[in-house]
Amino acid sequence: MYFSSGRLRNDISQIKDGATTGVHMIITDAAQYMWFDSQQNGLKFAFSKTEPNANATKQGGLDATQSYDFRCVSWNVDESFFTPPATVTFTDLTQLQVPGM
């Protein structure tokens, strides 16, 4: 995971049956992008910032009974980490929403 100025990038590799698959995600202040190494298409979710809802209840999240190992280090920010790849065509799911839902 990489963080900088409210942005996040997460790169995950999964090994299954001897094959490695990567999934990637970038979150900026206006959108979330997600794509897989094995595909030329990805997903985009556009959004706008909102104030936290004091009445909202948290669902899901990290399991407090599970152990996690995080090692944080400082880094020289590489802006390309927060730019979706030009080789992937992103479908904006915001445009596919049904009105009234």
N, C-alpha and C. Protein backbone atom coordinates (compact mmCIF):
# COMPACT_ATOMS: atom_id res chain seq x y z
N MET A 1 0.84 -1.17 0.00
CA MET A 1 0.00 0.00 0.00
C MET A 1 0.88 1.23 0.00
N TYR A 2 0.42 2.22 -0.73
CA TYR A 2 1.11 3.50 -0.79
C TYR A 2 0.10 4.59 -0.47
N PHE A 3 0.50 5.55 0.37
CA PHE A 3 -0.36 6.66 0.74
C PHE A 3 0.37 7.96 0.45
N SER A 4 -0.38 8.98 0.00
CA SER A 4 0.17 10.31 -0.16
C SER A 4 -0.97 11.30 -0.34
N SER A 5 -1.00 12.33 0.47
CA SER A 5 -1.96 13.43 0.34
C SER A 5 -3.40 12.94 0.18
N GLY A 6 -3.82 12.00 1.00
CA GLY A 6 -5.18 11.50 0.97
C GLY A 6 -5.46 10.51 -0.14
N ARG A 7 -4.45 10.11 -0.87
CA ARG A 7 -4.61 9.11 -1.94
C ARG A 7 -4.03 7.79 -1.47
N LEU A 8 -4.52 6.70 -2.10
CA LEU A 8 -4.07 5.37 -1.73
C LEU A 8 -3.87 4.53 -2.98
N ARG A 9 -2.85 3.70 -2.96
CA ARG A 9 -2.67 2.68 -3.99
C ARG A 9 -2.42 1.36 -3.28
N ASN A 10 -3.08 0.31 -3.77
CA ASN A 10 -2.93 -1.01 -3.18
C ASN A 10 -2.67 -2.00 -4.31
N ASP A 11 -1.60 -2.74 -4.22
CA ASP A 11 -1.25 -3.78 -5.20
C ASP A 11 -1.18 -5.10 -4.46
N ILE A 12 -1.99 -6.07 -4.91
CA ILE A 12 -2.06 -7.37 -4.24
C ILE A 12 -1.75 -8.46 -5.26
N SER A 13 -0.94 -9.43 -4.87
CA SER A 13 -0.66 -10.59 -5.72
C SER A 13 -1.23 -11.84 -5.07
N GLN A 14 -1.83 -12.67 -5.90
CA GLN A 14 -2.39 -13.94 -5.43
C GLN A 14 -1.76 -15.05 -6.25
N ILE A 15 -1.32 -16.11 -5.56
CA ILE A 15 -0.77 -17.28 -6.25
C ILE A 15 -1.77 -18.41 -6.09
N LYS A 16 -2.24 -18.92 -7.24
CA LYS A 16 -3.20 -20.02 -7.23
C LYS A 16 -2.83 -20.99 -8.33
N ASP A 17 -2.69 -22.25 -7.98
CA ASP A 17 -2.31 -23.29 -8.93
C ASP A 17 -1.04 -22.92 -9.70
N GLY A 18 -0.09 -22.27 -9.01
CA GLY A 18 1.19 -21.93 -9.60
C GLY A 18 1.20 -20.67 -10.44
N ALA A 19 0.03 -20.05 -10.64
CA ALA A 19 -0.06 -18.83 -11.44
C ALA A 19 -0.26 -17.62 -10.52
N THR A 20 0.44 -16.53 -10.82
CA THR A 20 0.32 -15.31 -10.04
C THR A 20 -0.62 -14.33 -10.74
N THR A 21 -1.57 -13.82 -10.00
CA THR A 21 -2.51 -12.82 -10.51
C THR A 21 -2.40 -11.58 -9.64
N GLY A 22 -2.35 -10.42 -10.27
CA GLY A 22 -2.28 -9.17 -9.53
C GLY A 22 -3.56 -8.38 -9.68
N VAL A 23 -3.98 -7.78 -8.58
CA VAL A 23 -5.12 -6.86 -8.59
C VAL A 23 -4.62 -5.54 -8.02
N HIS A 24 -5.08 -4.45 -8.62
CA HIS A 24 -4.59 -3.13 -8.26
C HIS A 24 -5.75 -2.19 -8.00
N MET A 25 -5.53 -1.23 -7.10
CA MET A 25 -6.56 -0.25 -6.79
C MET A 25 -5.91 1.09 -6.50
N ILE A 26 -6.50 2.14 -7.05
CA ILE A 26 -6.09 3.50 -6.75
C ILE A 26 -7.33 4.24 -6.25
N ILE A 27 -7.19 4.96 -5.15
CA ILE A 27 -8.26 5.82 -4.66
C ILE A 27 -7.72 7.24 -4.60
N THR A 28 -8.41 8.15 -5.30
CA THR A 28 -8.07 9.57 -5.28
C THR A 28 -9.21 10.30 -4.58
N ASP A 29 -9.19 11.62 -4.62
CA ASP A 29 -10.27 12.37 -3.97
C ASP A 29 -11.55 12.37 -4.80
N ALA A 30 -11.52 11.84 -6.02
CA ALA A 30 -12.71 11.87 -6.88
C ALA A 30 -13.13 10.51 -7.42
N ALA A 31 -12.27 9.50 -7.31
CA ALA A 31 -12.62 8.21 -7.93
C ALA A 31 -11.79 7.07 -7.35
N GLN A 32 -12.31 5.87 -7.57
CA GLN A 32 -11.59 4.64 -7.26
C GLN A 32 -11.45 3.85 -8.55
N TYR A 33 -10.25 3.34 -8.81
CA TYR A 33 -9.96 2.54 -10.00
C TYR A 33 -9.52 1.16 -9.55
N MET A 34 -9.96 0.13 -10.27
CA MET A 34 -9.59 -1.24 -9.93
C MET A 34 -9.37 -2.02 -11.22
N TRP A 35 -8.28 -2.80 -11.27
CA TRP A 35 -7.99 -3.61 -12.45
C TRP A 35 -7.12 -4.81 -12.08
N PHE A 36 -7.15 -5.82 -12.97
CA PHE A 36 -6.38 -7.04 -12.81
C PHE A 36 -5.29 -7.08 -13.86
N ASP A 37 -4.15 -7.70 -13.53
CA ASP A 37 -3.06 -7.85 -14.50
C ASP A 37 -3.52 -8.58 -15.75
N SER A 38 -4.39 -9.55 -15.60
CA SER A 38 -4.76 -10.43 -16.70
C SER A 38 -5.84 -9.84 -17.61
N GLN A 39 -6.30 -8.61 -17.34
CA GLN A 39 -7.37 -8.03 -18.13
C GLN A 39 -7.01 -6.64 -18.63
N GLN A 40 -7.54 -6.27 -19.78
CA GLN A 40 -7.28 -4.95 -20.34
C GLN A 40 -8.37 -3.96 -19.97
N ASN A 41 -9.38 -4.43 -19.22
CA ASN A 41 -10.46 -3.57 -18.77
C ASN A 41 -10.45 -3.49 -17.26
N GLY A 42 -10.90 -2.34 -16.74
CA GLY A 42 -10.98 -2.16 -15.30
C GLY A 42 -12.25 -1.42 -14.96
N LEU A 43 -12.43 -1.15 -13.68
CA LEU A 43 -13.62 -0.47 -13.20
C LEU A 43 -13.25 0.86 -12.56
N LYS A 44 -14.13 1.83 -12.75
CA LYS A 44 -13.97 3.14 -12.13
C LYS A 44 -15.25 3.46 -11.37
N PHE A 45 -15.11 3.95 -10.15
CA PHE A 45 -16.23 4.39 -9.35
C PHE A 45 -15.99 5.86 -9.01
N ALA A 46 -16.71 6.76 -9.65
CA ALA A 46 -16.56 8.18 -9.36
C ALA A 46 -17.37 8.52 -8.12
N PHE A 47 -16.89 9.47 -7.33
CA PHE A 47 -17.61 9.90 -6.14
C PHE A 47 -17.18 11.30 -5.78
N SER A 48 -17.92 11.90 -4.88
CA SER A 48 -17.53 13.21 -4.35
C SER A 48 -17.37 13.07 -2.85
N LYS A 49 -16.53 13.90 -2.30
CA LYS A 49 -16.30 13.85 -0.86
C LYS A 49 -17.55 14.31 -0.13
N THR A 50 -17.86 13.64 0.96
CA THR A 50 -18.98 14.03 1.81
C THR A 50 -18.49 14.07 3.25
N GLU A 51 -19.23 14.75 4.06
CA GLU A 51 -18.90 14.80 5.48
C GLU A 51 -19.32 13.47 6.11
N PRO A 52 -18.58 12.99 7.09
CA PRO A 52 -18.97 11.75 7.76
C PRO A 52 -20.35 11.87 8.38
N ASN A 53 -21.11 10.81 8.33
CA ASN A 53 -22.44 10.77 8.91
C ASN A 53 -22.32 10.26 10.34
N ALA A 54 -22.68 11.10 11.29
CA ALA A 54 -22.55 10.73 12.71
C ALA A 54 -23.48 9.57 13.07
N ASN A 55 -24.55 9.37 12.30
CA ASN A 55 -25.50 8.30 12.59
C ASN A 55 -25.15 7.00 11.88
N ALA A 56 -24.12 7.01 11.03
CA ALA A 56 -23.76 5.81 10.28
C ALA A 56 -23.15 4.77 11.21
N THR A 57 -23.43 3.53 10.93
CA THR A 57 -22.81 2.44 11.68
C THR A 57 -21.80 1.75 10.78
N LYS A 58 -20.68 1.39 11.35
CA LYS A 58 -19.64 0.73 10.57
C LYS A 58 -19.99 -0.73 10.39
N GLN A 59 -19.84 -1.20 9.17
CA GLN A 59 -20.05 -2.62 8.88
C GLN A 59 -18.79 -3.15 8.23
N GLY A 60 -18.44 -4.37 8.57
CA GLY A 60 -17.25 -4.98 7.97
C GLY A 60 -15.99 -4.42 8.61
N GLY A 61 -14.93 -4.34 7.84
CA GLY A 61 -13.67 -3.82 8.35
C GLY A 61 -12.75 -4.94 8.79
N LEU A 62 -11.71 -4.56 9.48
CA LEU A 62 -10.72 -5.53 9.95
C LEU A 62 -11.24 -6.29 11.16
N ASP A 63 -10.85 -7.54 11.24
CA ASP A 63 -11.21 -8.40 12.36
C ASP A 63 -10.27 -8.08 13.53
N ALA A 64 -10.83 -7.57 14.61
CA ALA A 64 -10.02 -7.17 15.77
C ALA A 64 -9.36 -8.35 16.47
N THR A 65 -9.83 -9.57 16.20
CA THR A 65 -9.23 -10.74 16.84
C THR A 65 -8.11 -11.34 16.01
N GLN A 66 -7.91 -10.82 14.80
CA GLN A 66 -6.89 -11.33 13.88
C GLN A 66 -5.59 -10.54 14.04
N SER A 67 -4.45 -11.17 13.84
CA SER A 67 -3.16 -10.49 13.86
C SER A 67 -2.82 -9.97 12.48
N TYR A 68 -2.26 -8.78 12.42
CA TYR A 68 -1.84 -8.17 11.15
C TYR A 68 -0.41 -7.70 11.30
N ASP A 69 0.31 -7.70 10.19
CA ASP A 69 1.71 -7.27 10.20
C ASP A 69 1.88 -6.14 9.19
N PHE A 70 2.00 -4.92 9.69
CA PHE A 70 2.22 -3.77 8.84
C PHE A 70 3.57 -3.16 9.16
N ARG A 71 4.30 -2.80 8.14
CA ARG A 71 5.58 -2.11 8.32
C ARG A 71 5.52 -0.85 7.46
N CYS A 72 5.43 0.28 8.11
CA CYS A 72 5.32 1.55 7.40
C CYS A 72 6.69 2.21 7.32
N VAL A 73 7.00 2.71 6.15
CA VAL A 73 8.24 3.45 5.95
C VAL A 73 7.93 4.68 5.10
N SER A 74 8.72 5.71 5.27
CA SER A 74 8.53 6.90 4.44
C SER A 74 9.08 6.62 3.04
N TRP A 75 8.61 7.39 2.06
CA TRP A 75 9.04 7.19 0.68
C TRP A 75 8.99 8.51 -0.06
N ASN A 76 9.74 8.59 -1.12
CA ASN A 76 9.67 9.73 -2.02
C ASN A 76 8.51 9.47 -2.97
N VAL A 77 7.49 10.29 -2.90
CA VAL A 77 6.25 10.06 -3.64
C VAL A 77 6.52 10.03 -5.14
N ASP A 78 6.02 8.98 -5.77
CA ASP A 78 6.06 8.83 -7.22
C ASP A 78 4.63 9.03 -7.71
N GLU A 79 4.36 10.17 -8.34
CA GLU A 79 3.00 10.51 -8.77
C GLU A 79 2.41 9.47 -9.72
N SER A 80 3.25 8.74 -10.44
CA SER A 80 2.73 7.73 -11.38
C SER A 80 1.99 6.61 -10.64
N PHE A 81 2.29 6.41 -9.36
CA PHE A 81 1.59 5.39 -8.59
C PHE A 81 0.11 5.69 -8.44
N PHE A 82 -0.27 6.96 -8.56
CA PHE A 82 -1.65 7.38 -8.37
C PHE A 82 -2.34 7.76 -9.68
N THR A 83 -1.73 7.35 -10.79
CA THR A 83 -2.29 7.58 -12.12
C THR A 83 -2.70 6.24 -12.70
N PRO A 84 -4.00 6.08 -13.05
CA PRO A 84 -4.43 4.80 -13.64
C PRO A 84 -3.66 4.53 -14.94
N PRO A 85 -3.34 3.27 -15.21
CA PRO A 85 -2.55 2.95 -16.41
C PRO A 85 -3.31 3.24 -17.71
N ALA A 86 -2.61 3.80 -18.66
CA ALA A 86 -3.21 4.12 -19.97
C ALA A 86 -3.52 2.87 -20.77
N THR A 87 -2.93 1.73 -20.41
CA THR A 87 -3.14 0.48 -21.14
C THR A 87 -4.42 -0.24 -20.73
N VAL A 88 -5.12 0.29 -19.72
CA VAL A 88 -6.36 -0.31 -19.24
C VAL A 88 -7.52 0.61 -19.58
N THR A 89 -8.60 0.04 -20.12
CA THR A 89 -9.82 0.79 -20.41
C THR A 89 -10.76 0.66 -19.21
N PHE A 90 -11.10 1.78 -18.59
CA PHE A 90 -11.92 1.76 -17.39
C PHE A 90 -13.38 2.05 -17.73
N THR A 91 -14.28 1.23 -17.20
CA THR A 91 -15.72 1.45 -17.32
C THR A 91 -16.16 2.19 -16.07
N ASP A 92 -16.76 3.36 -16.24
CA ASP A 92 -17.22 4.16 -15.12
C ASP A 92 -18.58 3.65 -14.68
N LEU A 93 -18.62 2.92 -13.58
CA LEU A 93 -19.86 2.34 -13.09
C LEU A 93 -20.85 3.39 -12.63
N THR A 94 -20.37 4.60 -12.34
CA THR A 94 -21.27 5.68 -11.96
C THR A 94 -22.24 5.99 -13.09
N GLN A 95 -21.78 5.84 -14.34
CA GLN A 95 -22.61 6.12 -15.50
C GLN A 95 -23.65 5.04 -15.74
N LEU A 96 -23.49 3.87 -15.11
CA LEU A 96 -24.39 2.74 -15.34
C LEU A 96 -25.50 2.66 -14.29
N GLN A 97 -25.51 3.56 -13.32
CA GLN A 97 -26.52 3.49 -12.27
C GLN A 97 -27.91 3.77 -12.83
N VAL A 98 -28.87 3.06 -12.29
CA VAL A 98 -30.27 3.23 -12.69
C VAL A 98 -30.84 4.42 -11.92
N PRO A 99 -31.46 5.39 -12.62
CA PRO A 99 -32.05 6.56 -11.92
C PRO A 99 -33.08 6.11 -10.88
N GLY A 100 -33.08 6.78 -9.75
CA GLY A 100 -34.03 6.48 -8.69
C GLY A 100 -33.60 5.39 -7.75
N MET A 101 -32.42 4.82 -7.98
CA MET A 101 -31.96 3.76 -7.07
C MET A 101 -30.93 4.30 -6.13
